[in-house]
Amino acid sequence: MQNNMGSTGSSERLSVEENEEEEMSRVAISTLKAKEEEIEKKKMEVKQKVELQLGRAEEETRRLTHIWEELEVLTDPMRKEVGIVRKKIDMANKELKPLGQSCQKKEKEYKEALEAFNEKSKEKAQLVTTLMEILAESEKLRMKKLEELNKIMESIR
């Protein structure tokens, strides 16, 4: 009987140990599940934060894209106008070059003509002065001759 008792005691111990092991397993599994749930909960929180940030980033991207499009539209007509004005300036420069050369040539011709005109004017003025002197001298001589002739005529009477 003792054997039976010894085996009963040992089987009770085994049963208690098994119960304890089972309880420990349950506690470990329960703890593991709780940690898994906590990890999953934190994972969901992080996922929500990421989705929120992605939503903000997408909204920012849309706003920046809109601003970029407005800038493109805004600068495009200005770029065209600038290009047109620059082409006109280039054309004006091309037209100005020969006009400037022509102007310089005509200015040179004008200066030469003015110089020739002034020289001829001086020459004419000198000739007029000489003519006036000659006419005055001639008049004097004729008056003198007339006086002589007049004296001769008076003496003849």
Protein backbone atom coordinates (compact mmCIF):
# COMPACT_ATOMS: atom_id res chain seq x y z
CA MET A 1 0.00 0.00 0.00
CA GLN A 2 2.81 2.13 0.62
CA ASN A 3 3.72 1.86 -2.98
CA ASN A 4 0.35 3.06 -3.95
CA MET A 5 0.64 5.94 -1.64
CA GLY A 6 4.06 6.77 -2.86
CA SER A 7 2.86 6.68 -6.40
CA THR A 8 -0.23 8.65 -5.50
CA GLY A 9 1.90 11.32 -3.83
CA SER A 10 4.17 11.47 -6.75
CA SER A 11 1.29 11.67 -9.19
CA GLU A 12 -0.24 14.44 -7.12
CA ARG A 13 3.02 16.29 -7.23
CA LEU A 14 3.15 15.78 -10.95
CA SER A 15 -0.36 17.00 -11.25
CA VAL A 16 0.41 20.11 -9.16
CA GLU A 17 3.54 20.70 -11.14
CA GLU A 18 1.63 20.26 -14.35
CA ASN A 19 -0.99 22.67 -13.08
CA GLU A 20 1.67 25.15 -12.13
CA GLU A 21 3.37 24.74 -15.51
CA GLU A 22 0.03 25.09 -17.21
CA GLU A 23 -0.73 28.19 -15.15
CA MET A 24 2.70 29.62 -15.99
CA SER A 25 2.09 28.87 -19.66
CA ARG A 26 -1.29 30.57 -19.47
CA VAL A 27 0.24 33.58 -17.72
CA ALA A 28 3.09 33.68 -20.26
CA ILE A 29 0.63 33.40 -23.15
CA SER A 30 -1.61 36.00 -21.57
CA THR A 31 1.37 38.34 -21.03
CA LEU A 32 2.53 37.67 -24.55
CA LYS A 33 -0.99 38.41 -25.89
CA ALA A 34 -1.14 41.60 -23.81
CA LYS A 35 2.25 42.68 -25.15
CA GLU A 36 1.15 41.74 -28.69
CA GLU A 37 -2.02 43.80 -28.22
CA GLU A 38 0.04 46.71 -26.83
CA ILE A 39 2.46 46.45 -29.78
CA GLU A 40 -0.47 46.27 -32.18
CA LYS A 41 -2.09 49.29 -30.46
CA LYS A 42 1.15 51.30 -30.67
CA LYS A 43 1.58 50.13 -34.26
CA MET A 44 -1.90 51.45 -35.07
CA GLU A 45 -1.15 54.74 -33.31
CA VAL A 46 2.08 55.15 -35.31
CA LYS A 47 0.23 54.12 -38.48
CA GLN A 48 -2.44 56.77 -37.79
CA LYS A 49 0.24 59.40 -37.18
CA VAL A 50 2.00 58.40 -40.41
CA GLU A 51 -1.29 58.53 -42.33
CA LEU A 52 -2.04 61.93 -40.81
CA GLN A 53 1.44 63.19 -41.81
CA LEU A 54 1.01 61.69 -45.29
CA GLY A 55 -2.34 63.46 -45.58
CA ARG A 56 -0.70 66.73 -44.58
CA ALA A 57 2.18 66.09 -46.97
CA GLU A 58 -0.26 65.34 -49.79
CA GLU A 59 -2.19 68.54 -49.00
CA GLU A 60 1.08 70.51 -48.93
CA THR A 61 2.08 68.92 -52.22
CA ARG A 62 -1.25 69.92 -53.78
CA ARG A 63 -0.87 73.48 -52.47
CA LEU A 64 2.73 73.72 -53.68
CA THR A 65 1.74 72.29 -57.07
CA HIS A 66 -1.03 74.88 -57.34
CA ILE A 67 1.38 77.68 -56.43
CA TRP A 68 3.91 76.31 -58.95
CA GLU A 69 1.26 76.25 -61.68
CA GLU A 70 0.28 79.83 -60.87
CA LEU A 71 3.94 80.86 -61.08
CA GLU A 72 4.31 79.15 -64.44
CA VAL A 73 1.24 80.92 -65.79
CA LEU A 74 2.42 84.19 -64.29
CA THR A 75 5.94 84.10 -65.71
CA ASP A 76 5.09 82.62 -69.12
CA PRO A 77 3.43 85.75 -70.64
CA MET A 78 6.13 87.91 -69.13
CA ARG A 79 8.79 85.71 -70.68
CA LYS A 80 7.11 86.01 -74.07
CA GLU A 81 6.82 89.79 -73.77
CA VAL A 82 10.45 90.06 -72.68
CA GLY A 83 11.49 87.94 -75.65
CA ILE A 84 9.46 90.08 -78.03
CA VAL A 85 10.86 93.32 -76.59
CA ARG A 86 14.42 91.96 -76.74
CA LYS A 87 13.96 91.01 -80.40
CA LYS A 88 12.65 94.52 -81.11
CA ILE A 89 15.66 96.00 -79.30
CA ASP A 90 18.00 93.82 -81.38
CA MET A 91 16.24 94.93 -84.56
CA ALA A 92 16.45 98.57 -83.47
CA ASN A 93 20.17 98.13 -82.77
CA LYS A 94 20.66 96.64 -86.25
CA GLU A 95 18.78 99.58 -87.78
CA LEU A 96 20.60 102.12 -85.61
CA LYS A 97 24.07 101.04 -86.69
CA PRO A 98 23.74 102.06 -90.37
CA LEU A 99 21.70 105.13 -89.37
CA GLY A 100 24.46 106.14 -86.97
CA GLN A 101 27.07 105.64 -89.68
CA SER A 102 24.95 107.62 -92.12
CA CYS A 103 24.48 110.34 -89.51
CA GLN A 104 28.22 110.53 -88.88
CA LYS A 105 28.91 110.66 -92.62
CA LYS A 106 26.33 113.40 -93.14
CA GLU A 107 27.57 115.25 -90.07
CA LYS A 108 31.09 115.14 -91.54
CA GLU A 109 29.73 116.32 -94.91
CA TYR A 110 27.78 119.06 -93.11
CA LYS A 111 30.89 120.22 -91.25
CA GLU A 112 32.87 120.22 -94.50
CA ALA A 113 30.07 122.10 -96.30
CA LEU A 114 29.75 124.56 -93.38
CA GLU A 115 33.50 125.12 -93.40
CA ALA A 116 33.44 125.68 -97.19
CA PHE A 117 30.42 128.00 -96.78
CA ASN A 118 32.19 130.00 -94.05
CA GLU A 119 35.37 130.26 -96.17
CA LYS A 120 33.34 131.48 -99.18
CA SER A 121 31.45 133.89 -96.92
CA LYS A 122 34.76 135.33 -95.66
CA GLU A 123 36.06 135.52 -99.21
CA LYS A 124 32.87 137.29 -100.31
CA ALA A 125 33.10 139.66 -97.35
CA GLN A 126 36.70 140.47 -98.29
CA LEU A 127 35.68 140.96 -101.92
CA VAL A 128 32.78 143.20 -100.88
CA THR A 129 35.20 145.22 -98.70
CA THR A 130 37.64 145.43 -101.59
CA LEU A 131 34.80 146.42 -103.94
CA MET A 132 33.66 149.11 -101.52
CA GLU A 133 37.21 150.41 -101.25
CA ILE A 134 37.63 150.38 -105.05
CA LEU A 135 34.24 152.06 -105.56
CA ALA A 136 35.08 154.66 -102.94
CA GLU A 137 38.44 155.28 -104.59
CA SER A 138 36.82 155.35 -108.01
CA GLU A 139 34.20 157.77 -106.77
CA LYS A 140 36.88 159.99 -105.31
CA LEU A 141 38.82 159.94 -108.53
CA ARG A 142 35.72 160.68 -110.60
CA MET A 143 34.71 163.46 -108.26
CA LYS A 144 38.19 164.88 -108.53
CA LYS A 145 38.07 164.58 -112.32
CA LEU A 146 34.63 166.14 -112.36
CA GLU A 147 35.89 169.05 -110.25
CA GLU A 148 38.82 169.50 -112.58
CA LEU A 149 36.50 169.40 -115.57
CA ASN A 150 34.17 171.78 -113.82
CA LYS A 151 37.08 174.20 -113.18
CA ILE A 152 38.12 173.90 -116.77
CA MET A 153 34.59 174.67 -117.81
CA GLU A 154 34.43 177.63 -115.53
CA SER A 155 37.69 178.92 -116.84
CA ILE A 156 36.43 178.59 -120.36
CA ARG A 157 33.46 180.78 -119.78
